[in-house]
Amino acid sequence: MFRAIREQVDTIFREDPAARSVVEIILCYPGFHAILLHRLAHKLYEARIPLVPRVISQISRFFTGIEIHPGATIGRRFFIDHGAGVVIGETTEIGDDCLLYQGVTLGGTGNEKGKRHPTLGNRVVVGTGAKVLGGIRIGDDVKIGAGSVVVHPVPDGSTVVGIPGRVVRTRREAGGLLEHGNLPDPEGQQIEELQRRVTELEAQLRLIAERLELEATRKP
């Protein structure tokens, strides 16, 4: 347990430049509290102890605003930054060194049975407000942009943005940073392309209209 706490503290220092001291982390980081309580609840869940794991998860949700089902499997050095509104479903599997921001949902798509929540590989970063839904696999080193909705599997090393989520990069990048200001905007690109095409068509129509007018003036 003490090793897990030490590792979690080290992870927060690595991922959050606002962290100033161990005492501050222990007292003021809801993600830290939620993860430690989940570790306990998950062990009890695996031991098939009834009700108690869910009670622990609900207590954690009440105090942290983070809802993690005790059945979710979470790897080492997992960090939830800020954390408000994060929801992690029962059959979710999360690899090592993953990072979630506030408002993230790792959820299902309906009332299906069995594996109904996503699997995240190692070193995955999920941006603010993103939704990853269904029993899909998100590969290693994937970055998901803020507000994206991902409902299809994502290959290793990809960057995903948009609704629905689209792969806009397929190369692995150093570090776990998700630079939203540098992410491509597929919807914006489509709108720009549409505007360009409309401008071309308007020019063609004007040319046709001028030719027709010229021909009309030449007729006796």
Foldseek 3Di string as FASTA:
>chain_A
DVVQLVQLLVLCVVPPVVDDDSVCCVPPPLQSVLVVLLVVLLVCVVVVDPPPSVVSQVVSCVVRLAHERSQEAEEGSEGEASAHQEHHDNLEYEYEQEYEYYQEYQEADDDDDDQGTDYEYYLEYEYANEYEYTHEYEEAQEYEYHNEYEDYYHYPQFYWYDVPTDTPDRHHDPDSDDPNVPDDDVVVVVVVVVVVVVVVVVVVVVVVVVVVVVVVVPDD
